[in-house]
């Protein structure tokens, strides 16, 4: 039986003062658009708020929040006002395919293992999808992102412009991880 979409959109994890929630209604659209206007988010631009809200509601979002003064609970009706510090968004049919995009943690929170924890939460959902054929992502960050996704999610470069001798790889890396539902012939394809 496939996993219920509504169950996945109301899942959460806590770690000390940090919360990850898949409830898209908790994500402050204005803040996310402000992030998309920065150079750190090189792959996206801000959108009209209604378009951004629609994108979030039609995706599986992992919002990350910080509140040092409270043990967080995570329902939309909570009176807590935690700081929104990160996101990972998955475009998915909730059964056979996941495209991971918009992964970002505020620079002031990077380097403390929160990105690894965020990806482990995404990976937990992926592992629970028994008919998943593949998870996929694109990245232009060969030095940080490619090794990070290999390590945290067991993803591999499937397609890219090969590096020339003495030069770093360039262009987009297409990374993939085959799931339990992948046809056996795909498991024999060459993955870098």
C-alpha atoms as a PDB file:
ATOM      1  CA  UNK A   1       0.000   0.000   0.000  1.00  0.00           C
ATOM      2  CA  UNK A   2       1.333   3.465  -0.911  1.00  0.00           C
ATOM      3  CA  UNK A   3       2.102   5.984   1.817  1.00  0.00           C
ATOM      4  CA  UNK A   4      -0.679   8.473   2.473  1.00  0.00           C
ATOM      5  CA  UNK A   5       0.109  11.948   1.147  1.00  0.00           C
ATOM      6  CA  UNK A   6      -1.525  13.616   4.145  1.00  0.00           C
ATOM      7  CA  UNK A   7       0.573  11.519   6.570  1.00  0.00           C
ATOM      8  CA  UNK A   8       3.767  12.673   4.865  1.00  0.00           C
ATOM      9  CA  UNK A   9       2.690  16.314   4.943  1.00  0.00           C
ATOM     10  CA  UNK A  10       2.261  16.264   8.723  1.00  0.00           C
ATOM     11  CA  UNK A  11       5.421  14.540   9.899  1.00  0.00           C
ATOM     12  CA  UNK A  12       7.988  16.108  12.200  1.00  0.00           C
ATOM     13  CA  UNK A  13      11.309  15.528  13.941  1.00  0.00           C
ATOM     14  CA  UNK A  14      12.927  17.368  16.847  1.00  0.00           C
ATOM     15  CA  UNK A  15      16.530  17.659  17.982  1.00  0.00           C
ATOM     16  CA  UNK A  16      17.065  19.883  20.993  1.00  0.00           C
ATOM     17  CA  UNK A  17      15.745  23.343  20.082  1.00  0.00           C
ATOM     18  CA  UNK A  18      15.390  22.393  16.390  1.00  0.00           C
ATOM     19  CA  UNK A  19      12.307  21.200  14.553  1.00  0.00           C
ATOM     20  CA  UNK A  20      11.823  19.815  11.059  1.00  0.00           C
ATOM     21  CA  UNK A  21       8.221  19.702   9.886  1.00  0.00           C
ATOM     22  CA  UNK A  22       6.648  18.668   6.591  1.00  0.00           C
ATOM     23  CA  UNK A  23       3.674  20.956   7.215  1.00  0.00           C
ATOM     24  CA  UNK A  24       3.967  23.490   4.355  1.00  0.00           C
ATOM     25  CA  UNK A  25       1.634  25.954   6.091  1.00  0.00           C
ATOM     26  CA  UNK A  26       4.379  26.655   8.675  1.00  0.00           C
ATOM     27  CA  UNK A  27       6.801  28.009   6.054  1.00  0.00           C
ATOM     28  CA  UNK A  28       6.844  31.823   5.990  1.00  0.00           C
ATOM     29  CA  UNK A  29       6.534  32.617   2.285  1.00  0.00           C
ATOM     30  CA  UNK A  30       7.956  36.159   2.619  1.00  0.00           C
ATOM     31  CA  UNK A  31      11.064  34.833   4.353  1.00  0.00           C
ATOM     32  CA  UNK A  32      11.562  32.108   1.760  1.00  0.00           C
ATOM     33  CA  UNK A  33      11.221  34.664  -1.039  1.00  0.00           C
ATOM     34  CA  UNK A  34      13.798  36.855   0.728  1.00  0.00           C
ATOM     35  CA  UNK A  35      16.205  33.888   0.718  1.00  0.00           C
ATOM     36  CA  UNK A  36      15.507  33.310  -2.979  1.00  0.00           C
ATOM     37  CA  UNK A  37      16.570  36.923  -3.633  1.00  0.00           C
ATOM     38  CA  UNK A  38      20.082  36.275  -2.241  1.00  0.00           C
ATOM     39  CA  UNK A  39      23.206  35.048  -4.005  1.00  0.00           C
ATOM     40  CA  UNK A  40      23.330  32.022  -1.671  1.00  0.00           C
ATOM     41  CA  UNK A  41      20.260  30.609  -3.411  1.00  0.00           C
ATOM     42  CA  UNK A  42      21.834  30.694  -6.885  1.00  0.00           C
ATOM     43  CA  UNK A  43      19.356  28.274  -8.477  1.00  0.00           C
ATOM     44  CA  UNK A  44      16.096  30.166  -7.871  1.00  0.00           C
ATOM     45  CA  UNK A  45      14.482  33.598  -7.807  1.00  0.00           C
ATOM     46  CA  UNK A  46      11.622  35.009  -5.728  1.00  0.00           C
ATOM     47  CA  UNK A  47       8.104  34.439  -7.030  1.00  0.00           C
ATOM     48  CA  UNK A  48       4.788  36.151  -6.360  1.00  0.00           C
ATOM     49  CA  UNK A  49       3.655  35.017  -2.905  1.00  0.00           C
ATOM     50  CA  UNK A  50       0.635  33.133  -4.239  1.00  0.00           C
ATOM     51  CA  UNK A  51       2.818  31.210  -6.722  1.00  0.00           C
ATOM     52  CA  UNK A  52       5.344  30.374  -3.984  1.00  0.00           C
ATOM     53  CA  UNK A  53       2.552  29.240  -1.656  1.00  0.00           C
ATOM     54  CA  UNK A  54       1.111  27.037  -4.433  1.00  0.00           C
ATOM     55  CA  UNK A  55       4.537  25.484  -5.087  1.00  0.00           C
ATOM     56  CA  UNK A  56       4.928  24.691  -1.391  1.00  0.00           C
ATOM     57  CA  UNK A  57       1.429  23.223  -1.047  1.00  0.00           C
ATOM     58  CA  UNK A  58       2.004  20.977  -4.081  1.00  0.00           C
ATOM     59  CA  UNK A  59       5.334  19.660  -2.790  1.00  0.00           C
ATOM     60  CA  UNK A  60       6.657  17.660   0.126  1.00  0.00           C
ATOM     61  CA  UNK A  61       8.442  20.376   2.125  1.00  0.00           C
ATOM     62  CA  UNK A  62      10.820  19.947   5.031  1.00  0.00           C
ATOM     63  CA  UNK A  63      10.921  23.252   6.930  1.00  0.00           C
ATOM     64  CA  UNK A  64      13.597  23.629   9.605  1.00  0.00           C
ATOM     65  CA  UNK A  65      12.996  25.875  12.635  1.00  0.00           C
ATOM     66  CA  UNK A  66      14.933  27.028  15.700  1.00  0.00           C
ATOM     67  CA  UNK A  67      13.560  28.097  19.080  1.00  0.00           C
ATOM     68  CA  UNK A  68      16.117  28.132  21.903  1.00  0.00           C
ATOM     69  CA  UNK A  69      13.637  28.955  24.657  1.00  0.00           C
ATOM     70  CA  UNK A  70      11.005  26.257  24.225  1.00  0.00           C
ATOM     71  CA  UNK A  71      10.653  22.547  23.698  1.00  0.00           C
ATOM     72  CA  UNK A  72       8.999  22.728  20.321  1.00  0.00           C
ATOM     73  CA  UNK A  73       5.765  21.087  19.447  1.00  0.00           C
ATOM     74  CA  UNK A  74       4.690  21.325  15.901  1.00  0.00           C
ATOM     75  CA  UNK A  75       1.163  22.063  14.900  1.00  0.00           C
ATOM     76  CA  UNK A  76       0.061  25.118  12.990  1.00  0.00           C
ATOM     77  CA  UNK A  77      -1.889  26.342  16.033  1.00  0.00           C
ATOM     78  CA  UNK A  78       1.138  26.543  18.347  1.00  0.00           C
ATOM     79  CA  UNK A  79       1.748  29.968  19.824  1.00  0.00           C
ATOM     80  CA  UNK A  80       5.515  29.570  19.487  1.00  0.00           C
ATOM     81  CA  UNK A  81       7.225  31.700  16.895  1.00  0.00           C
ATOM     82  CA  UNK A  82      10.348  29.726  16.011  1.00  0.00           C
ATOM     83  CA  UNK A  83      12.881  31.101  13.545  1.00  0.00           C
ATOM     84  CA  UNK A  84      12.662  29.584  10.053  1.00  0.00           C
ATOM     85  CA  UNK A  85      16.254  28.534   9.274  1.00  0.00           C
ATOM     86  CA  UNK A  86      16.150  25.991   6.464  1.00  0.00           C
ATOM     87  CA  UNK A  87      14.215  24.066   3.859  1.00  0.00           C
ATOM     88  CA  UNK A  88      14.328  21.089   1.537  1.00  0.00           C
ATOM     89  CA  UNK A  89      11.534  20.718  -0.998  1.00  0.00           C
ATOM     90  CA  UNK A  90      10.634  17.523  -2.822  1.00  0.00           C
ATOM     91  CA  UNK A  91       8.530  17.421  -5.946  1.00  0.00           C
ATOM     92  CA  UNK A  92       6.928  13.991  -5.844  1.00  0.00           C
ATOM     93  CA  UNK A  93       3.959  11.818  -6.716  1.00  0.00           C
ATOM     94  CA  UNK A  94       4.362  10.360  -3.182  1.00  0.00           C
ATOM     95  CA  UNK A  95       4.771   6.872  -4.643  1.00  0.00           C
ATOM     96  CA  UNK A  96       7.343   6.413  -7.442  1.00  0.00           C
ATOM     97  CA  UNK A  97       9.412   9.576  -7.870  1.00  0.00           C
ATOM     98  CA  UNK A  98      11.084  12.339  -5.824  1.00  0.00           C
ATOM     99  CA  UNK A  99      12.950  15.337  -7.188  1.00  0.00           C
ATOM    100  CA  UNK A 100      14.869  17.097  -4.402  1.00  0.00           C
ATOM    101  CA  UNK A 101      15.252  20.859  -4.798  1.00  0.00           C
ATOM    102  CA  UNK A 102      15.515  24.108  -2.868  1.00  0.00           C
ATOM    103  CA  UNK A 103      17.783  22.732  -0.146  1.00  0.00           C
ATOM    104  CA  UNK A 104      19.030  25.639   1.934  1.00  0.00           C
ATOM    105  CA  UNK A 105      20.065  26.396   5.511  1.00  0.00           C
ATOM    106  CA  UNK A 106      20.869  29.914   6.654  1.00  0.00           C
ATOM    107  CA  UNK A 107      24.668  30.398   6.578  1.00  0.00           C
ATOM    108  CA  UNK A 108      24.765  31.203  10.310  1.00  0.00           C
ATOM    109  CA  UNK A 109      23.417  27.688  11.030  1.00  0.00           C
ATOM    110  CA  UNK A 110      25.627  25.819   8.559  1.00  0.00           C
ATOM    111  CA  UNK A 111      28.516  23.656   9.702  1.00  0.00           C
ATOM    112  CA  UNK A 112      26.799  22.182  12.767  1.00  0.00           C
ATOM    113  CA  UNK A 113      25.329  19.018  11.243  1.00  0.00           C
ATOM    114  CA  UNK A 114      21.857  20.446  10.594  1.00  0.00           C
ATOM    115  CA  UNK A 115      22.105  19.827   6.838  1.00  0.00           C
ATOM    116  CA  UNK A 116      22.984  16.197   7.450  1.00  0.00           C
ATOM    117  CA  UNK A 117      20.045  15.884   9.837  1.00  0.00           C
ATOM    118  CA  UNK A 118      17.719  17.530   7.315  1.00  0.00           C
ATOM    119  CA  UNK A 119      18.812  15.086   4.614  1.00  0.00           C
ATOM    120  CA  UNK A 120      18.390  12.142   7.011  1.00  0.00           C
ATOM    121  CA  UNK A 121      14.760  13.192   7.500  1.00  0.00           C
ATOM    122  CA  UNK A 122      14.269  13.374   3.725  1.00  0.00           C
ATOM    123  CA  UNK A 123      16.001   9.996   3.400  1.00  0.00           C
ATOM    124  CA  UNK A 124      13.698   8.481   6.040  1.00  0.00           C
ATOM    125  CA  UNK A 125      10.703   9.373   3.854  1.00  0.00           C
ATOM    126  CA  UNK A 126      12.456   8.056   0.744  1.00  0.00           C
ATOM    127  CA  UNK A 127      13.269   4.749   2.442  1.00  0.00           C
ATOM    128  CA  UNK A 128       9.614   4.327   3.422  1.00  0.00           C
ATOM    129  CA  UNK A 129       8.399   4.597  -0.177  1.00  0.00           C
ATOM    130  CA  UNK A 130       8.288   0.948  -1.226  1.00  0.00           C
ATOM    131  CA  UNK A 131       7.478   1.683  -4.899  1.00  0.00           C
ATOM    132  CA  UNK A 132       9.970   4.525  -5.340  1.00  0.00           C
ATOM    133  CA  UNK A 133      11.797   4.118  -8.640  1.00  0.00           C
ATOM    134  CA  UNK A 134      14.269   6.948  -8.191  1.00  0.00           C
ATOM    135  CA  UNK A 135      15.131  10.095  -6.335  1.00  0.00           C
ATOM    136  CA  UNK A 136      16.828  12.792  -8.346  1.00  0.00           C
ATOM    137  CA  UNK A 137      18.471  16.194  -7.929  1.00  0.00           C
ATOM    138  CA  UNK A 138      20.519  18.689  -9.899  1.00  0.00           C
ATOM    139  CA  UNK A 139      23.391  20.706  -8.473  1.00  0.00           C
ATOM    140  CA  UNK A 140      25.970  23.086  -9.845  1.00  0.00           C
ATOM    141  CA  UNK A 141      28.061  22.935  -6.666  1.00  0.00           C
ATOM    142  CA  UNK A 142      30.606  20.222  -7.397  1.00  0.00           C
ATOM    143  CA  UNK A 143      32.875  20.916  -4.429  1.00  0.00           C
ATOM    144  CA  UNK A 144      30.324  20.869  -1.599  1.00  0.00           C
ATOM    145  CA  UNK A 145      27.011  19.461  -2.812  1.00  0.00           C
ATOM    146  CA  UNK A 146      28.096  16.448  -4.858  1.00  0.00           C
ATOM    147  CA  UNK A 147      30.175  14.912  -2.020  1.00  0.00           C
ATOM    148  CA  UNK A 148      27.505  15.899   0.539  1.00  0.00           C
ATOM    149  CA  UNK A 149      24.661  14.126  -1.302  1.00  0.00           C
ATOM    150  CA  UNK A 150      26.860  11.089  -2.009  1.00  0.00           C
ATOM    151  CA  UNK A 151      27.611  10.801   1.701  1.00  0.00           C
ATOM    152  CA  UNK A 152      24.219  11.660   3.227  1.00  0.00           C
ATOM    153  CA  UNK A 153      21.819  10.152   0.683  1.00  0.00           C
ATOM    154  CA  UNK A 154      23.926   7.643  -1.286  1.00  0.00           C
ATOM    155  CA  UNK A 155      23.212   9.601  -4.477  1.00  0.00           C
ATOM    156  CA  UNK A 156      25.517   9.308  -7.463  1.00  0.00           C
ATOM    157  CA  UNK A 157      26.295  11.481 -10.455  1.00  0.00           C
ATOM    158  CA  UNK A 158      24.404  10.052 -13.403  1.00  0.00           C
ATOM    159  CA  UNK A 159      25.129  12.683 -16.011  1.00  0.00           C
ATOM    160  CA  UNK A 160      27.395  15.660 -16.320  1.00  0.00           C
ATOM    161  CA  UNK A 161      29.959  17.275 -18.525  1.00  0.00           C
ATOM    162  CA  UNK A 162      33.048  15.212 -17.669  1.00  0.00           C
ATOM    163  CA  UNK A 163      35.949  17.162 -16.180  1.00  0.00           C
ATOM    164  CA  UNK A 164      38.953  17.712 -18.419  1.00  0.00           C
ATOM    165  CA  UNK A 165      42.413  16.969 -17.114  1.00  0.00           C
ATOM    166  CA  UNK A 166      43.531  19.538 -14.576  1.00  0.00           C
ATOM    167  CA  UNK A 167      40.102  21.189 -14.364  1.00  0.00           C
ATOM    168  CA  UNK A 168      37.169  20.774 -12.032  1.00  0.00           C
ATOM    169  CA  UNK A 169      33.866  19.407 -13.265  1.00  0.00           C
ATOM    170  CA  UNK A 170      31.487  22.100 -14.450  1.00  0.00           C
ATOM    171  CA  UNK A 171      27.868  22.519 -15.366  1.00  0.00           C
ATOM    172  CA  UNK A 172      25.053  20.710 -13.630  1.00  0.00           C
ATOM    173  CA  UNK A 173      25.538  17.372 -11.957  1.00  0.00           C
ATOM    174  CA  UNK A 174      22.478  15.156 -12.290  1.00  0.00           C
ATOM    175  CA  UNK A 175      22.421  12.949  -9.214  1.00  0.00           C
ATOM    176  CA  UNK A 176      20.225   9.902  -8.743  1.00  0.00           C
ATOM    177  CA  UNK A 177      19.516   7.169  -6.251  1.00  0.00           C
ATOM    178  CA  UNK A 178      17.496   4.181  -7.336  1.00  0.00           C
ATOM    179  CA  UNK A 179      14.698   3.062  -5.071  1.00  0.00           C
ATOM    180  CA  UNK A 180      13.074  -0.249  -4.231  1.00  0.00           C
ATOM    181  CA  UNK A 181      10.687   0.069  -7.179  1.00  0.00           C
ATOM    182  CA  UNK A 182      13.363   0.603  -9.851  1.00  0.00           C
ATOM    183  CA  UNK A 183      13.309  -1.965 -12.671  1.00  0.00           C
ATOM    184  CA  UNK A 184      16.264  -4.323 -12.506  1.00  0.00           C
ATOM    185  CA  UNK A 185      17.735  -3.146 -15.832  1.00  0.00           C
ATOM    186  CA  UNK A 186      18.256   0.317 -14.341  1.00  0.00           C
ATOM    187  CA  UNK A 187      20.443  -1.095 -11.607  1.00  0.00           C
ATOM    188  CA  UNK A 188      22.984  -2.067 -14.266  1.00  0.00           C
ATOM    189  CA  UNK A 189      23.288   1.442 -15.767  1.00  0.00           C
ATOM    190  CA  UNK A 190      26.635   3.142 -15.316  1.00  0.00           C
ATOM    191  CA  UNK A 191      26.509   5.687 -12.528  1.00  0.00           C
ATOM    192  CA  UNK A 192      29.629   7.765 -11.832  1.00  0.00           C
END
